[in-house]
Protein backbone atom coordinates (compact mmCIF):
# COMPACT_ATOMS: atom_id res chain seq x y z
CA UNK A 1 89.76 103.96 48.51
CA UNK A 2 91.15 101.03 46.48
CA UNK A 3 88.69 98.34 45.47
CA UNK A 4 88.68 95.88 48.38
CA UNK A 5 85.75 93.66 47.80
CA UNK A 6 87.16 91.40 45.07
CA UNK A 7 90.63 90.97 46.65
CA UNK A 8 88.82 90.28 50.17
CA UNK A 9 86.73 87.40 48.68
CA UNK A 10 89.73 85.68 47.60
CA UNK A 11 90.34 83.37 50.56
CA UNK A 12 86.77 82.22 50.50
CA UNK A 13 86.78 82.06 46.74
CA UNK A 14 90.19 80.09 46.42
CA UNK A 15 89.05 77.52 48.98
CA UNK A 16 85.79 76.96 46.88
CA UNK A 17 87.66 77.04 43.79
CA UNK A 18 90.25 74.56 45.31
CA UNK A 19 87.59 72.09 46.46
CA UNK A 20 86.07 72.28 42.78
CA UNK A 21 89.43 71.28 41.35
CA UNK A 22 90.05 68.55 43.89
CA UNK A 23 89.81 65.11 42.22
CA UNK A 24 88.41 63.47 45.39
CA UNK A 25 88.70 63.33 49.17
CA UNK A 26 91.83 64.20 50.92
CA UNK A 27 94.12 61.45 51.78
CA UNK A 28 97.36 61.70 53.98
CA UNK A 29 100.59 62.60 52.28
CA UNK A 30 103.91 60.97 53.06
CA UNK A 31 107.24 62.09 53.53
CA UNK A 32 110.57 60.14 53.32
CA UNK A 33 112.76 60.20 56.70
CA UNK A 34 114.87 63.37 57.13
CA UNK A 35 115.13 65.99 54.20
CA UNK A 36 113.70 63.59 51.53
CA UNK A 37 111.66 64.22 48.59
CA UNK A 38 107.79 64.87 49.85
CA UNK A 39 104.95 64.03 47.55
CA UNK A 40 101.38 65.36 48.69
CA UNK A 41 98.29 63.63 47.22
CA UNK A 42 96.15 65.47 49.51
CA UNK A 43 95.58 66.47 53.01
CA UNK A 44 98.20 68.75 54.92
CA UNK A 45 101.55 69.38 54.53
CA UNK A 46 103.34 69.26 58.10
CA UNK A 47 106.36 71.16 59.29
CA UNK A 48 109.44 69.71 58.20
CA UNK A 49 112.74 69.99 56.15
CA UNK A 50 112.36 68.51 52.62
CA UNK A 51 114.72 68.02 49.46
CA UNK A 52 111.47 69.15 47.27
CA UNK A 53 107.62 68.93 47.47
CA UNK A 54 105.37 67.72 44.53
CA UNK A 55 101.90 68.55 45.00
CA UNK A 56 99.56 66.01 43.06
CA UNK A 57 95.95 66.76 44.73
CA UNK A 58 94.10 69.05 46.93
CA UNK A 59 97.06 70.14 49.59
CA UNK A 60 97.06 72.65 52.43
CA UNK A 61 99.74 74.02 54.54
CA UNK A 62 99.25 73.23 58.38
CA UNK A 63 98.20 76.29 60.37
CA UNK A 64 101.65 77.56 61.99
CA UNK A 65 103.63 75.28 60.03
CA UNK A 66 107.40 75.78 59.71
CA UNK A 67 108.37 73.97 56.25
CA UNK A 68 112.00 74.29 54.54
CA UNK A 69 112.59 73.02 51.02
CA UNK A 70 115.99 72.81 49.60
CA UNK A 71 115.04 72.40 46.33
CA UNK A 72 111.75 73.17 44.35
CA UNK A 73 107.76 73.13 45.03
CA UNK A 74 105.99 72.03 42.00
CA UNK A 75 102.14 71.97 41.65
CA UNK A 76 101.21 69.47 39.08
CA UNK A 77 98.66 69.97 36.54
CA UNK A 78 94.92 70.36 38.00
CA UNK A 79 96.57 70.26 41.43
CA UNK A 80 96.06 72.78 44.49
CA UNK A 81 98.56 74.02 46.88
CA UNK A 82 96.85 76.28 49.50
CA UNK A 83 99.39 78.23 51.53
CA UNK A 84 97.16 81.30 51.59
CA UNK A 85 94.11 80.22 54.03
CA UNK A 86 96.40 79.74 57.13
CA UNK A 87 99.47 81.37 58.42
CA UNK A 88 102.64 79.52 57.86
CA UNK A 89 106.57 80.09 57.50
CA UNK A 90 107.79 78.61 54.27
CA UNK A 91 111.55 78.73 52.68
CA UNK A 92 112.10 77.55 49.33
CA UNK A 93 115.65 77.16 48.18
CA UNK A 94 114.91 77.37 44.58
CA UNK A 95 112.03 77.55 42.57
CA UNK A 96 108.10 77.23 42.71
CA UNK A 97 106.08 76.02 39.73
CA UNK A 98 102.42 75.65 39.00
CA UNK A 99 101.16 73.76 35.95
CA UNK A 100 98.09 73.89 33.91
CA UNK A 101 94.81 73.96 35.52
CA UNK A 102 96.62 74.37 39.14
CA UNK A 103 95.54 76.80 41.86
CA UNK A 104 98.87 78.10 43.64
CA UNK A 105 98.02 80.31 46.99
CA UNK A 106 101.01 81.42 48.75
CA UNK A 107 100.52 84.10 51.57
CA UNK A 108 98.29 85.91 53.89
CA UNK A 109 98.37 88.93 56.09
CA UNK A 110 96.31 90.77 58.54
CA UNK A 111 94.83 94.44 57.84
CA UNK A 112 96.91 95.41 61.28
CA UNK A 113 100.35 94.72 59.20
CA UNK A 114 99.32 95.49 55.50
CA UNK A 115 96.12 97.99 55.92
CA UNK A 116 93.15 97.91 53.39
CA UNK A 117 95.58 95.92 51.01
CA UNK A 118 95.67 92.70 53.33
CA UNK A 119 94.84 89.33 52.12
CA UNK A 120 93.57 87.54 55.56
CA UNK A 121 94.29 84.23 56.50
CA UNK A 122 90.80 82.61 56.26
CA UNK A 123 91.69 80.34 59.02
CA UNK A 124 93.33 83.00 61.20
CA UNK A 125 92.52 86.59 60.34
CA UNK A 126 95.33 88.15 62.63
CA UNK A 127 97.59 85.68 61.25
CA UNK A 128 100.59 86.24 59.10
CA UNK A 129 102.74 84.22 56.57
CA UNK A 130 106.42 84.45 56.15
CA UNK A 131 107.14 82.96 52.62
CA UNK A 132 110.57 83.22 50.83
CA UNK A 133 111.20 81.75 47.39
CA UNK A 134 114.87 82.09 46.73
CA UNK A 135 114.47 81.48 42.97
CA UNK A 136 111.60 82.00 40.98
CA UNK A 137 107.98 81.41 40.78
CA UNK A 138 106.43 80.42 37.19
CA UNK A 139 102.90 79.33 36.20
CA UNK A 140 102.01 78.25 33.05
CA UNK A 141 98.39 78.18 32.41
CA UNK A 142 97.41 77.73 35.83
CA UNK A 143 93.60 78.27 36.81
CA UNK A 144 94.46 80.69 39.76
CA UNK A 145 97.37 82.30 41.25
CA UNK A 146 97.26 84.10 44.57
CA UNK A 147 100.87 85.71 45.75
CA UNK A 148 100.27 87.85 48.79
CA UNK A 149 103.25 88.92 51.13
CA UNK A 150 105.61 86.89 49.36
CA UNK A 151 109.38 87.56 48.97
CA UNK A 152 110.85 86.16 45.66
CA UNK A 153 114.35 86.70 45.08
CA UNK A 154 114.27 85.75 41.40
CA UNK A 155 111.44 86.40 38.74
CA UNK A 156 107.77 85.90 38.94
CA UNK A 157 106.40 84.87 35.58
CA UNK A 158 102.73 84.24 35.16
CA UNK A 159 101.90 82.77 31.46
CA UNK A 160 98.12 82.03 30.42
CA UNK A 161 95.46 80.53 32.41
CA UNK A 162 92.73 82.01 34.33
CA UNK A 163 89.22 80.97 35.80
CA UNK A 164 86.37 82.11 38.02
CA UNK A 165 88.86 82.97 40.96
CA UNK A 166 90.35 86.40 40.95
CA UNK A 167 93.85 86.40 40.51
CA UNK A 168 95.88 88.70 43.32
CA UNK A 169 99.58 89.68 43.11
CA UNK A 170 99.93 91.80 46.02
CA UNK A 171 102.17 93.12 48.85
CA UNK A 172 105.14 91.25 47.24
CA UNK A 173 108.75 91.77 47.15
CA UNK A 174 110.20 90.49 43.77
CA UNK A 175 114.00 90.52 43.32
CA UNK A 176 113.88 90.58 39.56
CA UNK A 177 110.95 90.84 37.01
CA UNK A 178 107.24 90.63 37.16
CA UNK A 179 105.58 89.18 34.08
CA UNK A 180 101.81 88.47 33.74
CA UNK A 181 100.47 87.59 30.23
CA UNK A 182 97.90 85.85 28.60
CA UNK A 183 95.02 85.45 31.24
CA UNK A 184 91.18 85.60 30.73
CA UNK A 185 90.15 85.44 34.43
CA UNK A 186 87.17 87.37 36.47
CA UNK A 187 89.55 89.73 38.12
CA UNK A 188 93.30 90.63 38.20
CA UNK A 189 95.34 93.00 40.11
CA UNK A 190 98.87 93.73 40.81
CA UNK A 191 98.82 95.83 43.60
CA UNK A 192 101.20 97.36 46.57
CA UNK A 193 104.32 95.35 44.97
CA UNK A 194 107.91 96.17 45.11
CA UNK A 195 109.70 94.96 41.88
CA UNK A 196 113.36 95.59 41.41
CA UNK A 197 113.47 95.12 37.66
CA UNK A 198 110.57 95.41 35.00
CA UNK A 199 106.81 94.84 35.57
CA UNK A 200 105.09 93.52 32.37
CA UNK A 201 101.46 93.06 31.87
CA UNK A 202 100.45 92.07 28.54
CA UNK A 203 97.35 90.54 26.81
CA UNK A 204 94.95 90.27 30.04
CA UNK A 205 91.21 89.93 29.77
CA UNK A 206 88.91 90.66 32.84
CA UNK A 207 85.57 89.24 32.16
CA UNK A 208 83.95 90.54 35.41
CA UNK A 209 80.27 90.55 35.04
CA UNK A 210 79.65 93.25 37.87
CA UNK A 211 78.63 96.84 36.24
CA UNK A 212 81.46 99.20 36.08
CA UNK A 213 84.12 96.93 36.49
CA UNK A 214 87.27 98.79 35.42
CA UNK A 215 89.75 96.10 34.00
CA UNK A 216 93.16 95.27 35.38
CA UNK A 217 94.40 96.89 38.50
CA UNK A 218 97.90 98.13 38.50
CA UNK A 219 97.93 99.79 41.58
CA UNK A 220 100.94 101.67 44.07
CA UNK A 221 103.65 99.16 42.79
CA UNK A 222 107.10 100.43 43.15
CA UNK A 223 109.11 99.29 39.93
CA UNK A 224 113.04 99.82 39.77
CA UNK A 225 113.12 100.01 36.06
CA UNK A 226 110.05 99.82 33.61
CA UNK A 227 106.18 99.36 33.79
CA UNK A 228 105.01 98.25 30.62
CA UNK A 229 101.15 97.29 29.89
CA UNK A 230 99.25 96.44 26.87
CA UNK A 231 96.51 94.36 25.51
CA UNK A 232 94.75 94.68 28.66
CA UNK A 233 90.78 94.48 28.45
CA UNK A 234 88.58 96.21 29.07
CA UNK A 235 91.15 98.33 30.36
CA UNK A 236 93.36 99.46 33.07
CA UNK A 237 92.82 100.96 36.55
CA UNK A 238 94.97 102.61 39.10
CA UNK A 239 92.39 102.40 41.85
CA UNK A 240 89.91 104.66 43.24
CA UNK A 241 92.17 107.22 45.39
CA UNK A 242 93.47 110.38 43.40
CA UNK A 243 97.26 110.08 43.34
CA UNK A 244 97.20 106.30 44.26
CA UNK A 245 99.79 105.71 41.71
CA UNK A 246 102.92 103.60 40.99
CA UNK A 247 106.65 104.85 41.38
CA UNK A 248 108.72 103.74 38.30
CA UNK A 249 112.47 104.12 38.29
CA UNK A 250 112.63 104.41 34.36
CA UNK A 251 109.61 104.45 32.12
CA UNK A 252 106.07 103.57 32.04
CA UNK A 253 104.57 102.71 28.52
CA UNK A 254 101.52 101.58 26.85
CA UNK A 255 98.15 101.47 28.98
CA UNK A 256 100.14 102.12 32.28
CA UNK A 257 101.90 105.20 31.03
CA UNK A 258 99.44 107.54 33.04
CA UNK A 259 99.65 105.47 36.06
CA UNK A 260 102.75 106.85 37.47
């Protein structure tokens, strides 16, 4: 079966990592009346309609919250947005960005919805998020990115970064391209995604110390155009189930040539 132990740890590890990144105790965030701009310096983001959200501290999304953002969600350098520990409904009109050293966690689902590829909500194992980004998701030199069951109408571009927490890009619907490049991290997997354009994974180093760690997981993605992999160290894995491969509309190249 697929390697479940590392993805299954993400909820706990992400919270632990987030606390480590936090600069201090959480304080209540404030919002302008109506659909105004919201800056979260710490604490929980409540239900509401906002013109934009800026995260500068350790911020969660309230369990069951319904959040509508006209513009962008921006996670500042070193900040944490944890929308993967509790189920919520989030609609972003434009883009989500994550800066250097940040943690971006979006989405969680129960095993009843996604089987053994689930990323459970730590605070509600039977809960499920509904998160839609109408633009792009972009992270530059982030510490950790966790995207699980998110609909992104544009591109997902993750460049650089990495840390002790495993990265998970899983069960997402991506309307354009998926690009992951330049990470050095404990584990990274792109699994069970549907990508309308190209999926490109380059120059990623996995430093998992567990014996037999096979490298970057590229498992059971459906890619409309090309799947391109290169510079993945110590290698690439298509999972542990024979025939559990990727479906590619055009060409698979480099280290992923055999994973189709």
